[in-house]
C-alpha atoms as a PDB file:
ATOM      1  CA  MET A   1       0.000   0.000   0.000  1.00  0.00           C
ATOM      2  CA  HIS A   2       1.314   3.428  -0.937  1.00  0.00           C
ATOM      3  CA  THR A   3       0.329   6.282   1.362  1.00  0.00           C
ATOM      4  CA  THR A   4       0.658  10.028   1.000  1.00  0.00           C
ATOM      5  CA  PRO A   5       2.292  12.327   3.556  1.00  0.00           C
ATOM      6  CA  PRO A   6       0.168  15.217   4.830  1.00  0.00           C
ATOM      7  CA  GLY A   7       0.150  18.110   2.363  1.00  0.00           C
ATOM      8  CA  ALA A   8       1.282  15.973  -0.570  1.00  0.00           C
ATOM      9  CA  ALA A   9      -0.717  15.319  -3.723  1.00  0.00           C
ATOM     10  CA  SER A  10      -3.581  12.844  -3.474  1.00  0.00           C
ATOM     11  CA  HIS A  11      -2.729   9.190  -4.149  1.00  0.00           C
ATOM     12  CA  PRO A  12      -5.153   6.386  -5.048  1.00  0.00           C
ATOM     13  CA  ALA A  13      -4.246   4.377  -1.937  1.00  0.00           C
ATOM     14  CA  ARG A  14      -5.255   7.341   0.206  1.00  0.00           C
ATOM     15  CA  THR A  15      -8.606   7.341  -1.570  1.00  0.00           C
ATOM     16  CA  ALA A  16      -9.067   3.696  -0.643  1.00  0.00           C
ATOM     17  CA  LEU A  17      -8.382   4.549   2.994  1.00  0.00           C
ATOM     18  CA  ASP A  18     -10.980   7.321   2.744  1.00  0.00           C
ATOM     19  CA  LEU A  19     -13.638   4.596   2.622  1.00  0.00           C
ATOM     20  CA  LEU A  20     -12.850   3.713   6.235  1.00  0.00           C
ATOM     21  CA  ARG A  21     -14.791   4.992   9.222  1.00  0.00           C
ATOM     22  CA  CYS A  22     -13.929   4.789  12.888  1.00  0.00           C
ATOM     23  CA  PRO A  23     -15.264   1.454  14.181  1.00  0.00           C
ATOM     24  CA  LEU A  24     -15.925   2.982  17.615  1.00  0.00           C
ATOM     25  CA  CYS A  25     -17.884   6.109  16.687  1.00  0.00           C
ATOM     26  CA  GLY A  26     -18.405   6.046  12.913  1.00  0.00           C
ATOM     27  CA  ALA A  27     -16.534   9.287  12.275  1.00  0.00           C
ATOM     28  CA  GLU A  28     -14.215   9.939   9.342  1.00  0.00           C
ATOM     29  CA  LEU A  29     -10.595   8.947   9.735  1.00  0.00           C
ATOM     30  CA  SER A  30      -7.592  11.007   8.681  1.00  0.00           C
ATOM     31  CA  ARG A  31      -3.894  10.287   8.501  1.00  0.00           C
ATOM     32  CA  THR A  32      -1.839  11.355  11.507  1.00  0.00           C
ATOM     33  CA  GLY A  33       1.761  10.221  11.133  1.00  0.00           C
ATOM     34  CA  SER A  34       1.790   6.434  11.082  1.00  0.00           C
ATOM     35  CA  ALA A  35      -1.821   6.116  12.186  1.00  0.00           C
ATOM     36  CA  LEU A  36      -5.406   6.963  11.306  1.00  0.00           C
ATOM     37  CA  ALA A  37      -7.448   8.960  13.804  1.00  0.00           C
ATOM     38  CA  CYS A  38     -10.937  10.431  14.078  1.00  0.00           C
ATOM     39  CA  ALA A  39     -12.044  13.746  15.606  1.00  0.00           C
ATOM     40  CA  ARG A  40     -12.629  11.973  18.935  1.00  0.00           C
ATOM     41  CA  ARG A  41      -8.985  10.844  18.912  1.00  0.00           C
ATOM     42  CA  HIS A  42      -9.694   7.171  18.440  1.00  0.00           C
ATOM     43  CA  THR A  43      -6.433   6.095  16.845  1.00  0.00           C
ATOM     44  CA  TYR A  44      -5.490   3.085  14.718  1.00  0.00           C
ATOM     45  CA  ASP A  45      -1.916   2.239  13.867  1.00  0.00           C
ATOM     46  CA  ILE A  46      -0.712   1.620  10.337  1.00  0.00           C
ATOM     47  CA  ALA A  47       1.658  -1.345  10.472  1.00  0.00           C
ATOM     48  CA  ARG A  48       5.023  -1.063   8.778  1.00  0.00           C
ATOM     49  CA  GLN A  49       3.731  -3.562   6.197  1.00  0.00           C
ATOM     50  CA  GLY A  50       1.020  -1.046   5.263  1.00  0.00           C
ATOM     51  CA  TYR A  51      -2.251  -2.354   6.682  1.00  0.00           C
ATOM     52  CA  VAL A  52      -4.405  -0.507   9.232  1.00  0.00           C
ATOM     53  CA  GLY A  53      -5.021  -2.233  12.562  1.00  0.00           C
ATOM     54  CA  LEU A  54      -8.688  -1.608  13.343  1.00  0.00           C
ATOM     55  CA  LEU A  55      -9.126  -4.579  15.690  1.00  0.00           C
ATOM     56  CA  THR A  56      -7.911  -2.853  18.849  1.00  0.00           C
ATOM     57  CA  GLY A  57      -8.533  -2.934  22.573  1.00  0.00           C
ATOM     58  CA  GLY A  58      -8.365  -6.704  22.808  1.00  0.00           C
ATOM     59  CA  ARG A  59     -10.873  -7.224  20.007  1.00  0.00           C
ATOM     60  CA  ARG A  60      -9.902 -10.317  18.043  1.00  0.00           C
ATOM     61  CA  ALA A  61     -11.755 -12.446  15.540  1.00  0.00           C
ATOM     62  CA  ALA A  62     -11.875 -16.205  15.844  1.00  0.00           C
ATOM     63  CA  ASN A  63     -10.347 -18.428  13.180  1.00  0.00           C
ATOM     64  CA  ALA A  64      -8.050 -15.836  11.643  1.00  0.00           C
ATOM     65  CA  ASP A  65      -5.650 -17.482   9.193  1.00  0.00           C
ATOM     66  CA  THR A  66      -2.325 -18.297  10.772  1.00  0.00           C
ATOM     67  CA  ALA A  67       1.099 -17.458   9.369  1.00  0.00           C
ATOM     68  CA  ALA A  68       1.486 -21.056   8.185  1.00  0.00           C
ATOM     69  CA  MET A  69      -1.889 -21.005   6.412  1.00  0.00           C
ATOM     70  CA  VAL A  70      -1.019 -17.759   4.657  1.00  0.00           C
ATOM     71  CA  GLU A  71       2.366 -19.088   3.557  1.00  0.00           C
ATOM     72  CA  ALA A  72       0.624 -22.145   2.106  1.00  0.00           C
ATOM     73  CA  ARG A  73      -1.887 -19.938   0.288  1.00  0.00           C
ATOM     74  CA  GLU A  74       0.831 -17.761  -1.199  1.00  0.00           C
ATOM     75  CA  ALA A  75       2.712 -20.823  -2.415  1.00  0.00           C
ATOM     76  CA  PHE A  76      -0.389 -22.384  -3.948  1.00  0.00           C
ATOM     77  CA  LEU A  77      -1.595 -19.218  -5.655  1.00  0.00           C
ATOM     78  CA  ARG A  78       1.833 -18.765  -7.241  1.00  0.00           C
ATOM     79  CA  THR A  79       1.275 -22.022  -9.147  1.00  0.00           C
ATOM     80  CA  GLY A  80      -1.489 -20.368 -11.178  1.00  0.00           C
ATOM     81  CA  HIS A  81      -4.046 -23.113 -10.510  1.00  0.00           C
ATOM     82  CA  TYR A  82      -6.596 -20.512  -9.414  1.00  0.00           C
ATOM     83  CA  GLY A  83      -5.657 -18.135 -12.229  1.00  0.00           C
ATOM     84  CA  PRO A  84      -8.796 -19.067 -14.242  1.00  0.00           C
ATOM     85  CA  LEU A  85     -10.933 -18.156 -11.238  1.00  0.00           C
ATOM     86  CA  ALA A  86      -9.178 -14.796 -10.805  1.00  0.00           C
ATOM     87  CA  ALA A  87      -9.628 -14.084 -14.528  1.00  0.00           C
ATOM     88  CA  ALA A  88     -13.320 -14.997 -14.444  1.00  0.00           C
ATOM     89  CA  LEU A  89     -13.850 -12.810 -11.380  1.00  0.00           C
ATOM     90  CA  ALA A  90     -12.112  -9.862 -13.031  1.00  0.00           C
ATOM     91  CA  GLY A  91     -14.143 -10.362 -16.191  1.00  0.00           C
ATOM     92  CA  LEU A  92     -17.402 -10.183 -14.272  1.00  0.00           C
ATOM     93  CA  ALA A  93     -16.222  -7.199 -12.230  1.00  0.00           C
ATOM     94  CA  GLY A  94     -15.392  -5.067 -15.277  1.00  0.00           C
ATOM     95  CA  PRO A  95     -18.966  -4.033 -16.153  1.00  0.00           C
ATOM     96  CA  LEU A  96     -20.033  -3.775 -12.505  1.00  0.00           C
ATOM     97  CA  CYS A  97     -17.768  -0.926 -11.378  1.00  0.00           C
ATOM     98  CA  PRO A  98     -17.294   2.414 -13.168  1.00  0.00           C
ATOM     99  CA  PRO A  99     -13.813   3.837 -13.868  1.00  0.00           C
ATOM    100  CA  GLY A 100     -12.510   5.467 -10.728  1.00  0.00           C
ATOM    101  CA  GLY A 101     -14.977   3.533  -8.574  1.00  0.00           C
ATOM    102  CA  ALA A 102     -14.464   1.840  -5.225  1.00  0.00           C
ATOM    103  CA  VAL A 103     -14.198  -1.883  -4.505  1.00  0.00           C
ATOM    104  CA  LEU A 104     -14.514  -3.525  -1.099  1.00  0.00           C
ATOM    105  CA  ASP A 105     -13.074  -7.028  -0.780  1.00  0.00           C
ATOM    106  CA  ALA A 106     -14.724  -8.468   2.330  1.00  0.00           C
ATOM    107  CA  GLY A 107     -12.471 -11.301   3.460  1.00  0.00           C
ATOM    108  CA  ALA A 108      -9.613 -10.299   1.183  1.00  0.00           C
ATOM    109  CA  GLY A 109      -6.970 -12.727   2.380  1.00  0.00           C
ATOM    110  CA  THR A 110      -3.687 -11.925   0.666  1.00  0.00           C
ATOM    111  CA  GLY A 111      -5.341  -9.622  -1.865  1.00  0.00           C
ATOM    112  CA  TYR A 112      -4.876 -12.043  -4.779  1.00  0.00           C
ATOM    113  CA  TYR A 113      -8.409 -11.614  -6.126  1.00  0.00           C
ATOM    114  CA  LEU A 114      -8.633  -7.920  -5.277  1.00  0.00           C
ATOM    115  CA  ALA A 115      -5.511  -7.289  -7.355  1.00  0.00           C
ATOM    116  CA  ALA A 116      -7.023  -9.139 -10.322  1.00  0.00           C
ATOM    117  CA  VAL A 117     -10.213  -7.105 -10.054  1.00  0.00           C
ATOM    118  CA  LEU A 118      -8.364  -3.795  -9.823  1.00  0.00           C
ATOM    119  CA  ASP A 119      -6.321  -4.697 -12.901  1.00  0.00           C
ATOM    120  CA  ALA A 120      -9.626  -4.909 -14.792  1.00  0.00           C
ATOM    121  CA  LEU A 121     -10.972  -1.588 -13.428  1.00  0.00           C
ATOM    122  CA  PRO A 122      -9.146   1.545 -14.635  1.00  0.00           C
ATOM    123  CA  ASP A 123      -8.422   3.974 -11.804  1.00  0.00           C
ATOM    124  CA  ALA A 124     -10.645   2.127  -9.311  1.00  0.00           C
ATOM    125  CA  VAL A 125      -9.434   1.789  -5.737  1.00  0.00           C
ATOM    126  CA  GLY A 126      -9.829  -1.253  -3.526  1.00  0.00           C
ATOM    127  CA  LEU A 127     -10.081  -1.804   0.213  1.00  0.00           C
ATOM    128  CA  GLY A 128      -9.474  -5.277   1.615  1.00  0.00           C
ATOM    129  CA  LEU A 129     -10.747  -6.333   5.040  1.00  0.00           C
ATOM    130  CA  ASP A 130      -9.629  -9.530   6.752  1.00  0.00           C
ATOM    131  CA  THR A 131      -9.058 -10.862  10.250  1.00  0.00           C
ATOM    132  CA  SER A 132      -5.545 -12.174   9.580  1.00  0.00           C
ATOM    133  CA  LYS A 133      -2.691  -9.744   9.988  1.00  0.00           C
ATOM    134  CA  PHE A 134      -0.465 -12.266   8.240  1.00  0.00           C
ATOM    135  CA  ALA A 135      -2.656 -12.169   5.136  1.00  0.00           C
ATOM    136  CA  LEU A 136      -3.013  -8.389   5.240  1.00  0.00           C
ATOM    137  CA  ARG A 137       0.736  -7.874   5.219  1.00  0.00           C
ATOM    138  CA  ARG A 138       0.487  -9.110   1.639  1.00  0.00           C
ATOM    139  CA  ALA A 139      -2.909  -7.609   0.777  1.00  0.00           C
ATOM    140  CA  ALA A 140      -1.699  -4.090   1.604  1.00  0.00           C
ATOM    141  CA  ARG A 141       0.939  -4.446  -1.107  1.00  0.00           C
ATOM    142  CA  ALA A 142      -0.992  -6.576  -3.566  1.00  0.00           C
ATOM    143  CA  HIS A 143      -1.803  -3.651  -5.879  1.00  0.00           C
ATOM    144  CA  PRO A 144      -0.813   0.047  -6.106  1.00  0.00           C
ATOM    145  CA  ARG A 145      -4.472   1.064  -5.784  1.00  0.00           C
ATOM    146  CA  ALA A 146      -5.274  -1.204  -2.829  1.00  0.00           C
ATOM    147  CA  ALA A 147      -5.377  -0.611   0.914  1.00  0.00           C
ATOM    148  CA  ALA A 148      -6.058  -3.086   3.693  1.00  0.00           C
ATOM    149  CA  ALA A 149      -7.290  -3.195   7.275  1.00  0.00           C
ATOM    150  CA  THR A 150      -7.929  -5.803   9.952  1.00  0.00           C
ATOM    151  CA  TRP A 151     -11.598  -6.462  10.581  1.00  0.00           C
ATOM    152  CA  ASP A 152     -14.125  -9.205  11.265  1.00  0.00           C
ATOM    153  CA  VAL A 153     -16.608  -9.204   8.377  1.00  0.00           C
ATOM    154  CA  TRP A 154     -19.337 -10.530  10.680  1.00  0.00           C
ATOM    155  CA  GLU A 155     -19.259  -7.231  12.581  1.00  0.00           C
ATOM    156  CA  PRO A 156     -20.636  -3.859  11.372  1.00  0.00           C
ATOM    157  CA  LEU A 157     -18.179  -2.808   8.694  1.00  0.00           C
ATOM    158  CA  PRO A 158     -15.909   0.218   9.321  1.00  0.00           C
ATOM    159  CA  VAL A 159     -16.839   1.580   5.891  1.00  0.00           C
ATOM    160  CA  ALA A 160     -18.837   4.664   4.932  1.00  0.00           C
ATOM    161  CA  THR A 161     -22.489   4.122   4.023  1.00  0.00           C
ATOM    162  CA  GLY A 162     -23.155   4.153   0.273  1.00  0.00           C
ATOM    163  CA  SER A 163     -19.481   4.586  -0.593  1.00  0.00           C
ATOM    164  CA  VAL A 164     -18.738   1.379  -2.515  1.00  0.00           C
ATOM    165  CA  ASP A 165     -19.502   0.463  -6.135  1.00  0.00           C
ATOM    166  CA  LEU A 166     -18.622  -3.218  -5.879  1.00  0.00           C
ATOM    167  CA  VAL A 167     -18.344  -5.630  -2.954  1.00  0.00           C
ATOM    168  CA  VAL A 168     -16.269  -8.735  -3.701  1.00  0.00           C
ATOM    169  CA  ASN A 169     -16.616 -11.780  -1.468  1.00  0.00           C
ATOM    170  CA  VAL A 170     -14.475 -14.842  -2.266  1.00  0.00           C
ATOM    171  CA  PHE A 171     -14.716 -17.883   0.049  1.00  0.00           C
ATOM    172  CA  ALA A 172     -15.501 -15.557   2.953  1.00  0.00           C
ATOM    173  CA  PRO A 173     -18.354 -14.818   5.388  1.00  0.00           C
ATOM    174  CA  ARG A 174     -21.271 -12.859   3.911  1.00  0.00           C
ATOM    175  CA  ASN A 175     -22.755 -10.044   5.981  1.00  0.00           C
ATOM    176  CA  GLY A 176     -25.851  -9.224   3.923  1.00  0.00           C
ATOM    177  CA  PRO A 177     -27.135  -6.144   5.772  1.00  0.00           C
ATOM    178  CA  GLU A 178     -23.695  -4.542   5.963  1.00  0.00           C
ATOM    179  CA  PHE A 179     -22.879  -5.286   2.319  1.00  0.00           C
ATOM    180  CA  ARG A 180     -26.153  -3.584   1.396  1.00  0.00           C
ATOM    181  CA  ARG A 181     -25.425  -0.589   3.633  1.00  0.00           C
ATOM    182  CA  VAL A 182     -21.984   0.204   2.214  1.00  0.00           C
ATOM    183  CA  LEU A 183     -23.023  -0.276  -1.424  1.00  0.00           C
ATOM    184  CA  LYS A 184     -24.298   2.524  -3.604  1.00  0.00           C
ATOM    185  CA  PRO A 185     -27.899   2.031  -4.804  1.00  0.00           C
ATOM    186  CA  ASP A 186     -26.637   0.984  -8.250  1.00  0.00           C
ATOM    187  CA  GLY A 187     -23.751  -1.064  -6.874  1.00  0.00           C
ATOM    188  CA  ALA A 188     -23.226  -4.825  -7.043  1.00  0.00           C
ATOM    189  CA  LEU A 189     -22.142  -7.732  -4.875  1.00  0.00           C
ATOM    190  CA  LEU A 190     -19.943 -10.389  -6.495  1.00  0.00           C
ATOM    191  CA  VAL A 191     -19.728 -13.658  -4.545  1.00  0.00           C
ATOM    192  CA  VAL A 192     -17.562 -16.712  -5.242  1.00  0.00           C
ATOM    193  CA  THR A 193     -18.392 -19.994  -3.538  1.00  0.00           C
ATOM    194  CA  PRO A 194     -17.070 -23.542  -4.023  1.00  0.00           C
ATOM    195  CA  THR A 195     -19.535 -26.156  -5.253  1.00  0.00           C
ATOM    196  CA  PRO A 196     -19.849 -29.615  -3.659  1.00  0.00           C
ATOM    197  CA  ARG A 197     -17.614 -30.949  -6.473  1.00  0.00           C
ATOM    198  CA  HIS A 198     -14.707 -28.737  -5.454  1.00  0.00           C
ATOM    199  CA  MET A 199     -11.721 -30.792  -4.250  1.00  0.00           C
ATOM    200  CA  ALA A 200     -13.997 -33.838  -3.979  1.00  0.00           C
ATOM    201  CA  GLU A 201     -11.174 -36.189  -5.006  1.00  0.00           C
ATOM    202  CA  LEU A 202      -9.148 -35.200  -1.939  1.00  0.00           C
ATOM    203  CA  ARG A 203     -11.758 -35.736   0.747  1.00  0.00           C
ATOM    204  CA  ASP A 204     -11.366 -39.450   1.365  1.00  0.00           C
ATOM    205  CA  ALA A 205      -7.573 -39.441   1.027  1.00  0.00           C
ATOM    206  CA  LEU A 206      -6.831 -36.302   3.031  1.00  0.00           C
ATOM    207  CA  GLY A 207      -9.895 -35.715   5.184  1.00  0.00           C
ATOM    208  CA  THR A 208     -10.645 -32.250   3.809  1.00  0.00           C
ATOM    209  CA  LEU A 209     -13.877 -30.577   4.856  1.00  0.00           C
ATOM    210  CA  ALA A 210     -16.793 -31.168   2.501  1.00  0.00           C
ATOM    211  CA  VAL A 211     -18.843 -28.373   0.933  1.00  0.00           C
ATOM    212  CA  ASP A 212     -22.425 -28.448   2.166  1.00  0.00           C
ATOM    213  CA  GLU A 213     -24.811 -29.574  -0.585  1.00  0.00           C
ATOM    214  CA  ALA A 214     -27.257 -26.843   0.502  1.00  0.00           C
ATOM    215  CA  LYS A 215     -24.629 -24.092   0.518  1.00  0.00           C
ATOM    216  CA  GLU A 216     -25.936 -22.231  -2.542  1.00  0.00           C
ATOM    217  CA  GLU A 217     -29.543 -22.372  -1.382  1.00  0.00           C
ATOM    218  CA  ARG A 218     -28.492 -21.068   2.010  1.00  0.00           C
ATOM    219  CA  LEU A 219     -26.438 -18.300   0.387  1.00  0.00           C
ATOM    220  CA  ASP A 220     -29.365 -17.054  -1.651  1.00  0.00           C
ATOM    221  CA  ARG A 221     -31.692 -17.251   1.344  1.00  0.00           C
ATOM    222  CA  THR A 222     -29.251 -15.321   3.535  1.00  0.00           C
ATOM    223  CA  LEU A 223     -28.917 -12.496   1.017  1.00  0.00           C
ATOM    224  CA  SER A 224     -32.521 -12.414  -0.246  1.00  0.00           C
ATOM    225  CA  ALA A 225     -33.683  -9.759   2.245  1.00  0.00           C
ATOM    226  CA  TYR A 226     -31.128  -7.289   0.870  1.00  0.00           C
ATOM    227  CA  PHE A 227     -30.241  -8.410  -2.663  1.00  0.00           C
ATOM    228  CA  ARG A 228     -31.661 -10.043  -5.765  1.00  0.00           C
ATOM    229  CA  ARG A 229     -29.498 -12.438  -7.696  1.00  0.00           C
ATOM    230  CA  GLU A 230     -28.900 -11.128 -11.195  1.00  0.00           C
ATOM    231  CA  GLU A 231     -26.579 -13.777 -12.584  1.00  0.00           C
ATOM    232  CA  ALA A 232     -24.792 -16.977 -11.623  1.00  0.00           C
ATOM    233  CA  ARG A 233     -21.969 -18.544 -13.617  1.00  0.00           C
ATOM    234  CA  PRO A 234     -20.373 -21.940 -13.024  1.00  0.00           C
ATOM    235  CA  LEU A 235     -16.643 -22.390 -13.440  1.00  0.00           C
ATOM    236  CA  GLU A 236     -15.151 -25.860 -13.376  1.00  0.00           C
ATOM    237  CA  TYR A 237     -11.848 -27.234 -14.600  1.00  0.00           C
ATOM    238  CA  ALA A 238      -9.354 -29.972 -13.811  1.00  0.00           C
ATOM    239  CA  VAL A 239      -5.927 -29.489 -12.256  1.00  0.00           C
ATOM    240  CA  THR A 240      -3.100 -31.914 -11.546  1.00  0.00           C
ATOM    241  CA  LEU A 241      -1.251 -31.380  -8.296  1.00  0.00           C
ATOM    242  CA  PRO A 242       2.005 -32.897  -7.048  1.00  0.00           C
ATOM    243  CA  PRO A 243       2.079 -33.759  -3.325  1.00  0.00           C
ATOM    244  CA  GLY A 244       3.620 -30.437  -2.292  1.00  0.00           C
ATOM    245  CA  GLU A 245       0.846 -28.446  -3.944  1.00  0.00           C
ATOM    246  CA  VAL A 246      -1.780 -30.753  -2.457  1.00  0.00           C
ATOM    247  CA  ALA A 247      -0.346 -30.044   0.988  1.00  0.00           C
ATOM    248  CA  ASP A 248      -0.455 -26.279   0.378  1.00  0.00           C
ATOM    249  CA  LEU A 249      -4.045 -26.446  -0.901  1.00  0.00           C
ATOM    250  CA  VAL A 250      -5.224 -28.396   2.115  1.00  0.00           C
ATOM    251  CA  SER A 251      -3.284 -26.205   4.553  1.00  0.00           C
ATOM    252  CA  MET A 252      -4.494 -22.877   3.191  1.00  0.00           C
ATOM    253  CA  GLY A 253      -8.247 -23.445   3.647  1.00  0.00           C
ATOM    254  CA  PRO A 254     -10.600 -24.182   6.557  1.00  0.00           C
ATOM    255  CA  THR A 255      -9.084 -27.654   7.011  1.00  0.00           C
ATOM    256  CA  GLY A 256      -5.800 -25.930   7.878  1.00  0.00           C
ATOM    257  CA  HIS A 257      -7.229 -24.841  11.238  1.00  0.00           C
ATOM    258  CA  HIS A 258      -7.511 -28.500  12.257  1.00  0.00           C
ATOM    259  CA  LEU A 259      -4.094 -29.752  11.148  1.00  0.00           C
ATOM    260  CA  LYS A 260      -0.931 -30.134  13.173  1.00  0.00           C
ATOM    261  CA  ALA A 261       2.370 -28.854  11.783  1.00  0.00           C
ATOM    262  CA  GLY A 262       3.507 -31.102   8.942  1.00  0.00           C
ATOM    263  CA  GLU A 263       0.319 -33.169   8.937  1.00  0.00           C
ATOM    264  CA  ALA A 264      -0.848 -32.015   5.505  1.00  0.00           C
ATOM    265  CA  ALA A 265       2.515 -32.876   3.959  1.00  0.00           C
ATOM    266  CA  GLU A 266       2.450 -36.332   5.559  1.00  0.00           C
ATOM    267  CA  ARG A 267      -1.028 -37.045   4.214  1.00  0.00           C
ATOM    268  CA  ALA A 268      -0.172 -35.721   0.759  1.00  0.00           C
ATOM    269  CA  ALA A 269       2.961 -37.878   0.608  1.00  0.00           C
ATOM    270  CA  ARG A 270       0.803 -40.992   1.060  1.00  0.00           C
ATOM    271  CA  LEU A 271      -0.864 -40.260  -2.278  1.00  0.00           C
ATOM    272  CA  GLY A 272       2.290 -41.545  -3.935  1.00  0.00           C
ATOM    273  CA  GLY A 273       2.476 -38.919  -6.666  1.00  0.00           C
ATOM    274  CA  ALA A 274       0.478 -36.295  -8.522  1.00  0.00           C
ATOM    275  CA  VAL A 275      -3.291 -36.344  -8.185  1.00  0.00           C
ATOM    276  CA  GLY A 276      -6.039 -34.959 -10.410  1.00  0.00           C
ATOM    277  CA  MET A 277      -8.545 -32.641  -8.788  1.00  0.00           C
ATOM    278  CA  THR A 278     -11.676 -30.778  -9.814  1.00  0.00           C
ATOM    279  CA  ALA A 279     -11.740 -27.031  -9.204  1.00  0.00           C
ATOM    280  CA  SER A 280     -15.424 -26.074  -9.129  1.00  0.00           C
ATOM    281  CA  PHE A 281     -16.946 -22.700  -8.277  1.00  0.00           C
ATOM    282  CA  ARG A 282     -20.033 -20.562  -8.680  1.00  0.00           C
ATOM    283  CA  LEU A 283     -19.680 -16.821  -9.353  1.00  0.00           C
ATOM    284  CA  SER A 284     -22.852 -14.913  -8.480  1.00  0.00           C
ATOM    285  CA  VAL A 285     -23.798 -11.291  -9.118  1.00  0.00           C
ATOM    286  CA  TYR A 286     -26.312  -9.660  -6.764  1.00  0.00           C
ATOM    287  CA  ARG A 287     -27.965  -6.257  -6.929  1.00  0.00           C
ATOM    288  CA  PRO A 288     -29.282  -4.297  -3.930  1.00  0.00           C
ATOM    289  CA  LEU A 289     -33.020  -4.285  -3.304  1.00  0.00           C
END
């Protein structure tokens, strides 16, 4: 994340930070040295890696990705296996956000998908929220027009009402009322979820968590009070993974919270070589009611 000293010319990353509001009182935040502060002097440090620490005063979210999980995710994403998903997401985002608009990635992780979306949106700025400081160290630097802050997406979002053109939500919790609040009336919500076929080949061998068969129905029901679904696109393709990449894939997701150090690698090694896997997703576009 690139920030601008007081008195200097405006920079896109500063515009992304302008979307933030004080999580304690809702007031605007402004840059004060290496922190953001509101008029009531609630202050939030900007880490040396560039992200804003909004979870303060002992507030912590459960199940934040660990350093090991984030390292595994970075390694896996570098292989390009999820490149088709990032490209499909960016392709859908293009018509949904005007040039110079604002994107909120709720549950941004390392910023991999936010960066792809911003590449497809000229002059747009993006704000990534996530509970994991380890992921946000990367998200804050994922794109020149991105900023990042620690936050639990289940809580009221520290984002100005009606300030966002596009909310992106990839494999992350969905806070329907808050997504609706921060979106402009003509904005859009873009959600990516795995289908029950995703990683199915690995479940018996590695004990990965299954995707609920009713997940999509539950998603639509959860959002239906605030959004109407405009479009849904399936994306499915095959990948071949050597044991090391299998271990990273298993370690980087929800299963990673339940594994001991080295356990994923041990399980993957028992496969005896490369394994074919189905990558299967649904990309859904929602409009505010």
